[in-house]
Amino acid sequence: MYKFCASLGIIFISFGIILPWLFLRESFDTLLSTSDISNLTSTAQILILYRQKVALWFAQNIFIIATIPLTAGLFFLVYGIVLWNRKQKIVDRKDNLENEKLELEIKKMSPEQILEKAINEVIEDSQDERVEDEQPSIFNKQENSINNYLKFENIIIHKLRDCFGPSNVRSRLKIENTQIDMLVRINKKKRAIIEVKKISNSSSFIKRQKDVVDFLRNAVINYNKLATTFKETIGIGLLIISDDVINWHPDKTSFYTIDNIPIKIITLTEEEFQALDNRELKILITTFD
């Protein structure tokens, strides 16, 4: 309704502006001399004199007449803006409630949870299948690997923030029971959930790639349940691999669509990732070709 009123208002305003120009550009037979008019039939003379008399009245009142569509146009335009403002307030209120809901449901991971996730990533990469109560000894042996993992994850976070803007990248979040590395706001309606994996063991690459795809599917489903206004959510798996893995895995990007959820797996070495500029990184994450 507000679009119709605003459009009608613009039409009336345009007509009010154009009307004087259309009228004043006409001569209304004023260029005819008295002798020319006298040579015409009496009927033609009467019509010309009547036309000139009407034209004179319009010429004297044209700007008053033009104010009628101008006034009507301003009324409809203002009315349309008022209707739009009311609707926009409802939309904004809905968005605010949605954001408040997301803030409550999507929380930052605690330092302990971040460390625990890093330990699990390193253990998974090393293919260590020891039981959970043995993890302290694993941590002592693999402390450097854990620190390196966290350090490089921070590099990825900072690079994404440089690319998309600090306010558009949230890191290390917990959506219900799902821990995600990054949530990126691509545009007003589109979001990307990014999961980072470091892979140094070529024998585990296929399995871990499949695990990432399954994880992203579940993470996107959980996020879409909460973010009802953001229905275009994609999953991005960023696999950072060692040189010996890249030698036998030439595909840098793989695409999947599971339950109508687009998922992209990006496979790079640390050196390749750090060499990407902001434009290349944005294209790599946002395009699905």
Protein backbone atom coordinates (compact mmCIF):
# COMPACT_ATOMS: atom_id res chain seq x y z
CA MET A 1 0.00 0.00 0.00
CA TYR A 2 2.77 2.46 0.91
CA LYS A 3 4.50 1.80 -2.42
CA PHE A 4 1.28 2.60 -4.31
CA CYS A 5 0.70 5.83 -2.34
CA ALA A 6 4.30 6.97 -2.75
CA SER A 7 4.25 6.19 -6.50
CA LEU A 8 0.92 8.01 -6.94
CA GLY A 9 2.36 10.99 -5.07
CA ILE A 10 5.40 11.14 -7.33
CA ILE A 11 3.15 10.97 -10.43
CA PHE A 12 1.00 13.87 -9.19
CA ILE A 13 4.05 15.96 -8.27
CA SER A 14 5.60 15.31 -11.67
CA PHE A 15 2.33 16.27 -13.39
CA GLY A 16 2.13 19.49 -11.35
CA ILE A 17 5.65 20.44 -12.46
CA ILE A 18 5.18 19.50 -16.13
CA LEU A 19 1.69 21.06 -16.52
CA PRO A 20 2.82 24.75 -16.65
CA TRP A 21 5.56 23.85 -19.12
CA LEU A 22 3.12 21.98 -21.37
CA PHE A 23 0.67 24.87 -21.28
CA LEU A 24 3.12 27.73 -21.81
CA ARG A 25 4.80 26.09 -24.79
CA GLU A 26 1.51 26.30 -26.78
CA SER A 27 0.81 29.44 -28.87
CA PHE A 28 -3.03 29.07 -28.78
CA ASP A 29 -3.32 30.89 -32.16
CA THR A 30 -1.84 34.07 -30.68
CA LEU A 31 0.55 34.29 -33.62
CA LEU A 32 -2.36 34.79 -36.05
CA SER A 33 -2.85 38.36 -37.20
CA THR A 34 -6.24 40.12 -37.26
CA SER A 35 -6.33 39.92 -41.06
CA ASP A 36 -5.64 36.14 -40.94
CA ILE A 37 -8.53 35.63 -38.52
CA SER A 38 -10.86 37.84 -40.54
CA ASN A 39 -10.28 35.70 -43.61
CA LEU A 40 -11.62 32.62 -41.77
CA THR A 41 -15.23 31.55 -41.55
CA SER A 42 -17.36 32.97 -38.78
CA THR A 43 -17.45 29.60 -37.03
CA ALA A 44 -13.62 29.36 -37.07
CA GLN A 45 -13.35 32.93 -35.78
CA ILE A 46 -15.68 32.15 -32.87
CA LEU A 47 -13.69 28.99 -32.00
CA ILE A 48 -10.36 30.84 -32.12
CA LEU A 49 -11.64 33.69 -29.96
CA TYR A 50 -13.11 31.19 -27.45
CA ARG A 51 -9.85 29.23 -27.38
CA GLN A 52 -7.81 32.37 -26.80
CA LYS A 53 -10.18 33.50 -24.01
CA VAL A 54 -9.91 30.11 -22.26
CA ALA A 55 -6.13 30.09 -22.77
CA LEU A 56 -5.89 33.57 -21.23
CA TRP A 57 -7.77 32.39 -18.15
CA PHE A 58 -5.51 29.36 -17.81
CA ALA A 59 -2.42 31.52 -18.32
CA GLN A 60 -3.51 33.80 -15.50
CA ASN A 61 -4.22 30.88 -13.15
CA ILE A 62 -1.83 28.15 -14.35
CA PHE A 63 0.36 28.16 -11.25
CA ILE A 64 -2.68 28.00 -8.97
CA ILE A 65 -4.01 25.07 -11.05
CA ALA A 66 -0.60 23.36 -10.88
CA THR A 67 -0.67 23.49 -7.08
CA ILE A 68 -3.66 21.09 -7.06
CA PRO A 69 -1.72 18.01 -8.33
CA LEU A 70 1.35 19.20 -6.42
CA THR A 71 -0.60 19.32 -3.16
CA ALA A 72 -2.26 15.97 -3.87
CA GLY A 73 1.13 14.49 -4.76
CA LEU A 74 2.75 15.74 -1.57
CA PHE A 75 -0.15 14.32 0.44
CA PHE A 76 0.10 10.87 -1.12
CA LEU A 77 3.91 10.90 -0.89
CA VAL A 78 3.90 11.84 2.80
CA TYR A 79 1.14 9.33 3.50
CA GLY A 80 3.14 6.62 1.74
CA ILE A 81 6.24 7.51 3.76
CA VAL A 82 4.21 7.37 7.00
CA LEU A 83 2.89 3.92 6.05
CA TRP A 84 6.41 2.80 5.15
CA ASN A 85 7.76 4.14 8.45
CA ARG A 86 5.15 2.20 10.41
CA LYS A 87 5.95 -0.99 8.54
CA GLN A 88 9.69 -0.40 8.88
CA LYS A 89 9.34 0.00 12.64
CA ILE A 90 7.60 -3.37 12.79
CA VAL A 91 10.36 -4.92 10.65
CA ASP A 92 13.06 -3.30 12.82
CA ARG A 93 11.35 -4.50 15.98
CA LYS A 94 11.20 -8.01 14.54
CA ASP A 95 14.88 -7.83 13.58
CA ASN A 96 15.79 -6.58 17.08
CA LEU A 97 13.87 -9.45 18.67
CA GLU A 98 15.59 -11.83 16.26
CA ASN A 99 19.00 -10.40 17.17
CA GLU A 100 18.21 -10.61 20.89
CA LYS A 101 17.19 -14.23 20.41
CA LEU A 102 20.40 -14.93 18.51
CA GLU A 103 22.46 -13.22 21.21
CA LEU A 104 20.86 -15.46 23.83
CA GLU A 105 21.20 -18.66 21.80
CA ILE A 106 24.58 -17.98 20.15
CA LYS A 107 27.26 -17.41 22.77
CA LYS A 108 31.00 -17.01 22.79
CA MET A 109 32.90 -20.12 23.74
CA SER A 110 34.68 -19.93 27.06
CA PRO A 111 38.53 -20.07 27.14
CA GLU A 112 38.24 -23.61 28.49
CA GLN A 113 35.98 -24.64 25.61
CA ILE A 114 38.33 -23.02 23.07
CA LEU A 115 41.30 -24.91 24.51
CA GLU A 116 39.34 -28.16 24.66
CA LYS A 117 38.33 -27.81 21.00
CA ALA A 118 41.94 -27.10 20.00
CA ILE A 119 43.14 -30.18 21.89
CA ASN A 120 40.52 -32.32 20.17
CA GLU A 121 41.53 -30.93 16.76
CA VAL A 122 45.20 -31.77 17.35
CA ILE A 123 44.35 -35.24 18.65
CA GLU A 124 42.07 -35.86 15.68
CA ASP A 125 44.81 -34.77 13.28
CA SER A 126 47.35 -37.08 14.89
CA GLN A 127 44.84 -39.95 14.75
CA ASP A 128 45.28 -40.51 18.49
CA GLU A 129 42.39 -42.58 19.79
CA ARG A 130 43.32 -42.74 23.43
CA VAL A 131 40.56 -42.38 25.98
CA GLU A 132 39.49 -39.03 27.34
CA ASP A 133 41.09 -39.39 30.78
CA GLU A 134 44.52 -39.66 29.12
CA GLN A 135 44.22 -36.24 27.50
CA PRO A 136 46.45 -34.39 30.02
CA SER A 137 49.46 -36.47 28.97
CA ILE A 138 48.56 -35.91 25.32
CA PHE A 139 48.38 -32.20 25.99
CA ASN A 140 51.88 -32.18 27.51
CA LYS A 141 53.34 -33.90 24.45
CA GLN A 142 51.44 -31.86 21.91
CA GLU A 143 51.41 -28.43 23.53
CA ASN A 144 53.35 -26.89 20.62
CA SER A 145 50.86 -28.31 18.11
CA ILE A 146 47.95 -26.88 20.10
CA ASN A 147 49.58 -23.45 20.37
CA ASN A 148 50.34 -23.48 16.64
CA TYR A 149 46.74 -24.43 15.88
CA LEU A 150 45.34 -21.57 18.02
CA LYS A 151 47.88 -19.13 16.57
CA PHE A 152 46.95 -19.96 12.98
CA GLU A 153 43.25 -19.90 13.79
CA ASN A 154 43.76 -16.34 15.07
CA ILE A 155 45.50 -15.47 11.79
CA ILE A 156 42.46 -16.73 9.88
CA ILE A 157 40.07 -14.74 12.10
CA HIS A 158 42.05 -11.52 11.65
CA LYS A 159 42.30 -12.05 7.89
CA LEU A 160 38.55 -12.60 7.60
CA ARG A 161 37.88 -9.47 9.67
CA ASP A 162 40.14 -7.47 7.37
CA CYS A 163 38.22 -8.90 4.42
CA PHE A 164 34.59 -8.61 5.62
CA GLY A 165 34.93 -6.03 8.41
CA PRO A 166 35.39 -6.64 12.17
CA SER A 167 31.67 -6.37 12.98
CA ASN A 168 30.78 -8.98 10.33
CA VAL A 169 32.97 -11.79 11.69
CA ARG A 170 32.20 -13.49 14.99
CA SER A 171 34.60 -16.18 16.15
CA ARG A 172 34.51 -19.23 18.41
CA LEU A 173 30.78 -19.46 18.99
CA LYS A 174 28.47 -22.03 20.51
CA ILE A 175 25.08 -22.58 18.86
CA GLU A 176 23.14 -24.77 21.26
CA ASN A 177 25.54 -27.75 21.56
CA THR A 178 27.44 -27.01 18.34
CA GLN A 179 30.80 -25.23 18.53
CA ILE A 180 31.71 -23.30 15.39
CA ASP A 181 34.93 -21.52 14.53
CA MET A 182 33.50 -18.50 12.69
CA LEU A 183 30.21 -16.92 11.64
CA VAL A 184 30.57 -14.41 8.78
CA ARG A 185 27.93 -11.87 7.73
CA ILE A 186 28.31 -11.75 3.93
CA ASN A 187 25.38 -9.38 3.35
CA LYS A 188 22.01 -8.48 4.86
CA LYS A 189 20.49 -11.92 4.27
CA LYS A 190 23.47 -14.23 3.77
CA ARG A 191 25.66 -15.85 6.42
CA ALA A 192 28.58 -18.28 6.26
CA ILE A 193 29.56 -20.76 8.95
CA ILE A 194 33.26 -21.53 8.67
CA GLU A 195 34.97 -24.57 10.14
CA VAL A 196 38.78 -24.72 10.15
CA LYS A 197 40.80 -27.93 10.12
CA LYS A 198 44.54 -28.44 10.02
CA ILE A 199 45.47 -31.71 8.34
CA SER A 200 48.98 -33.10 8.30
CA ASN A 201 48.11 -36.75 7.74
CA SER A 202 47.18 -37.60 4.15
CA SER A 203 45.63 -40.93 5.11
CA SER A 204 42.93 -39.17 7.14
CA PHE A 205 42.11 -36.48 4.61
CA ILE A 206 39.06 -38.10 2.97
CA LYS A 207 37.48 -39.03 6.30
CA ARG A 208 38.07 -35.61 7.82
CA GLN A 209 36.72 -33.86 4.74
CA LYS A 210 33.53 -35.91 5.02
CA ASP A 211 33.33 -35.14 8.74
CA VAL A 212 33.59 -31.41 8.00
CA VAL A 213 30.78 -31.63 5.41
CA ASP A 214 28.53 -33.45 7.91
CA PHE A 215 29.44 -30.98 10.67
CA LEU A 216 28.65 -27.95 8.48
CA ARG A 217 25.31 -29.42 7.46
CA ASN A 218 24.27 -29.82 11.10
CA ALA A 219 25.67 -26.42 12.10
CA VAL A 220 23.75 -24.63 9.32
CA ILE A 221 20.53 -26.46 10.24
CA ASN A 222 20.92 -25.45 13.91
CA TYR A 223 21.68 -21.85 12.97
CA ASN A 224 18.72 -21.58 10.57
CA LYS A 225 16.38 -22.79 13.31
CA LEU A 226 17.35 -19.73 15.36
CA ALA A 227 17.94 -17.16 12.62
CA THR A 228 14.54 -17.24 10.93
CA THR A 229 15.24 -14.01 9.00
CA PHE A 230 18.55 -15.30 7.58
CA LYS A 231 17.58 -18.21 5.39
CA GLU A 232 20.60 -18.12 3.08
CA THR A 233 23.29 -19.72 5.19
CA ILE A 234 26.24 -21.52 3.61
CA GLY A 235 28.86 -23.82 5.07
CA ILE A 236 32.56 -23.28 4.39
CA GLY A 237 35.16 -25.86 5.32
CA LEU A 238 38.67 -24.40 5.36
CA LEU A 239 41.17 -27.27 5.32
CA ILE A 240 44.75 -26.15 5.94
CA ILE A 241 47.01 -28.97 4.87
CA SER A 242 50.69 -29.81 4.80
CA ASP A 243 52.71 -30.02 1.59
CA ASP A 244 52.69 -33.82 1.46
CA VAL A 245 48.88 -33.84 1.49
CA ILE A 246 48.55 -31.22 -1.28
CA ASN A 247 50.81 -33.28 -3.54
CA TRP A 248 48.15 -35.92 -3.99
CA HIS A 249 45.09 -33.71 -3.57
CA PRO A 250 45.06 -31.15 -6.43
CA ASP A 251 41.44 -29.93 -5.99
CA LYS A 252 41.45 -26.67 -4.07
CA THR A 253 37.65 -26.41 -3.94
CA SER A 254 34.88 -28.98 -3.67
CA PHE A 255 31.14 -28.27 -3.70
CA TYR A 256 28.29 -30.15 -2.04
CA THR A 257 24.56 -29.58 -1.66
CA ILE A 258 23.02 -31.54 1.20
CA ASP A 259 19.38 -30.95 2.22
CA ASN A 260 19.45 -27.79 0.07
CA ILE A 261 22.41 -26.50 2.09
CA PRO A 262 25.34 -25.30 -0.07
CA ILE A 263 28.70 -26.41 1.32
CA LYS A 264 32.12 -25.54 -0.03
CA ILE A 265 35.38 -27.17 1.00
CA ILE A 266 38.49 -25.05 0.42
CA THR A 267 41.83 -26.85 0.59
CA LEU A 268 44.98 -24.74 0.95
CA THR A 269 48.40 -24.80 2.54
CA GLU A 270 49.26 -22.22 5.20
CA GLU A 271 51.43 -20.39 2.70
CA GLU A 272 48.67 -20.32 0.06
CA PHE A 273 46.13 -19.02 2.54
CA GLN A 274 48.35 -16.22 3.83
CA ALA A 275 49.17 -15.20 0.25
CA LEU A 276 45.49 -14.48 -0.50
CA ASP A 277 44.54 -10.81 -0.62
CA ASN A 278 41.14 -9.59 0.63
CA ARG A 279 39.54 -9.66 -2.82
CA GLU A 280 40.71 -13.21 -3.55
CA LEU A 281 39.59 -14.43 -0.11
CA LYS A 282 36.14 -12.87 -0.46
CA ILE A 283 35.65 -14.42 -3.91
CA LEU A 284 36.86 -17.77 -2.65
CA ILE A 285 34.34 -17.81 0.21
CA THR A 286 31.31 -16.22 -1.42
CA THR A 287 31.27 -17.81 -4.89
CA PHE A 288 29.74 -21.20 -5.62
CA ASP A 289 30.60 -21.94 -9.27
